[in-house]
Amino acid sequence: MKEREDFLHPRSRYYGDFTPENLAFNANLQEFAQKITYICSLETGGKISSEKAYKDIKALWKDLKSSKKQLGIGQKPPSTDGENLP
C-alpha cells in the first residue's frame, strides 16, 4: 500500500533554506502541483469542463496564496539590529 501511495503522490526532498515555514509551504506547493495535474487530466479526458477546471484551479491558487501569506513566505523578517527604532 505504501508503494502505491508513493507512486501516486511522490514527494521531493526540500533543498531550500530550512525553516518550518519554508518546509510547510513546500509541502503545500507539492500538493498544489499534484491537484493541478489531476484537474488537467480530468479536463483533458473530458470528465470535467474547462470552466470547472478553471474554477477549481483558481480556488487552489487562492488557497496557496493564503498559505504563503499565513506562513510569512517572502516577507522581510523584522529587523533585529535596531535600524527601525525611533
Protein backbone atom coordinates (compact mmCIF):
# COMPACT_ATOMS: atom_id res chain seq x y z
CA MET A 1 0.00 0.00 0.00
CA LYS A 2 2.86 2.41 0.85
CA GLU A 3 4.46 1.83 -2.56
CA ARG A 4 1.24 2.71 -4.35
CA GLU A 5 0.84 5.83 -2.22
CA ASP A 6 4.44 6.88 -3.00
CA PHE A 7 3.80 6.27 -6.70
CA LEU A 8 0.55 8.24 -6.80
CA HIS A 9 1.74 11.03 -4.51
CA PRO A 10 5.51 11.37 -4.86
CA ARG A 11 7.26 13.82 -2.58
CA SER A 12 10.50 15.52 -3.45
CA ARG A 13 13.15 16.46 -0.92
CA TYR A 14 13.38 20.07 0.14
CA TYR A 15 16.71 21.70 -0.69
CA GLY A 16 15.98 25.34 0.17
CA ASP A 17 16.77 27.33 3.29
CA PHE A 18 15.30 25.30 6.11
CA THR A 19 12.70 26.90 8.29
CA PRO A 20 9.48 25.24 9.46
CA GLU A 21 7.55 27.79 7.40
CA ASN A 22 9.51 27.06 4.20
CA LEU A 23 9.10 23.32 4.70
CA ALA A 24 5.34 23.68 5.26
CA PHE A 25 4.97 25.88 2.19
CA ASN A 26 6.98 23.41 0.11
CA ALA A 27 4.59 20.63 1.14
CA ASN A 28 1.63 22.87 0.23
CA LEU A 29 3.23 23.67 -3.12
CA GLN A 30 3.78 19.99 -3.94
CA GLU A 31 0.17 19.20 -3.03
CA PHE A 32 -0.98 22.10 -5.22
CA ALA A 33 1.02 20.74 -8.15
CA GLN A 34 -0.45 17.24 -7.74
CA LYS A 35 -4.01 18.55 -7.62
CA ILE A 36 -3.40 20.70 -10.71
CA THR A 37 -2.16 17.60 -12.54
CA TYR A 38 -5.34 15.70 -11.60
CA ILE A 39 -7.59 18.56 -12.68
CA CYS A 40 -5.78 18.94 -16.01
CA SER A 41 -6.02 15.20 -16.64
CA LEU A 42 -9.74 15.17 -15.86
CA GLU A 43 -10.34 18.11 -18.19
CA THR A 44 -8.21 16.63 -20.97
CA GLY A 45 -10.07 13.33 -20.62
CA GLY A 46 -13.43 15.06 -20.90
CA LYS A 47 -14.50 14.20 -17.35
CA ILE A 48 -14.90 17.86 -16.31
CA SER A 49 -15.50 21.02 -18.30
CA SER A 50 -12.87 23.64 -18.97
CA GLU A 51 -14.85 26.09 -16.86
CA LYS A 52 -14.94 23.67 -13.91
CA ALA A 53 -11.19 23.05 -14.26
CA TYR A 54 -10.54 26.79 -14.32
CA LYS A 55 -12.65 27.40 -11.22
CA ASP A 56 -11.02 24.53 -9.33
CA ILE A 57 -7.52 25.72 -10.24
CA LYS A 58 -8.39 29.30 -9.28
CA ALA A 59 -9.63 28.10 -5.86
CA LEU A 60 -6.46 26.07 -5.32
CA TRP A 61 -4.35 29.10 -6.28
CA LYS A 62 -6.18 31.27 -3.75
CA ASP A 63 -5.56 28.63 -1.07
CA LEU A 64 -1.85 28.51 -1.93
CA LYS A 65 -1.58 32.32 -1.83
CA SER A 66 -3.33 32.34 1.54
CA SER A 67 -0.93 29.69 2.82
CA LYS A 68 2.04 31.76 1.65
CA LYS A 69 0.74 34.82 3.42
CA GLN A 70 -0.08 32.97 6.65
CA LEU A 71 3.36 31.38 6.74
CA GLY A 72 5.08 34.72 6.04
CA ILE A 73 6.93 33.41 2.99
CA GLY A 74 8.62 36.20 1.02
CA GLN A 75 8.14 38.82 3.71
CA LYS A 76 11.07 40.62 5.23
CA PRO A 77 11.76 39.42 8.75
CA PRO A 78 11.64 42.08 11.45
CA SER A 79 14.93 43.87 11.90
CA THR A 80 16.92 42.93 14.99
CA ASP A 81 19.78 45.40 14.61
CA GLY A 82 17.77 48.40 15.82
CA GLU A 83 17.52 50.21 12.48
CA ASN A 84 13.72 50.54 12.83
CA LEU A 85 13.87 52.05 16.30
CA PRO A 86 12.72 55.68 16.74
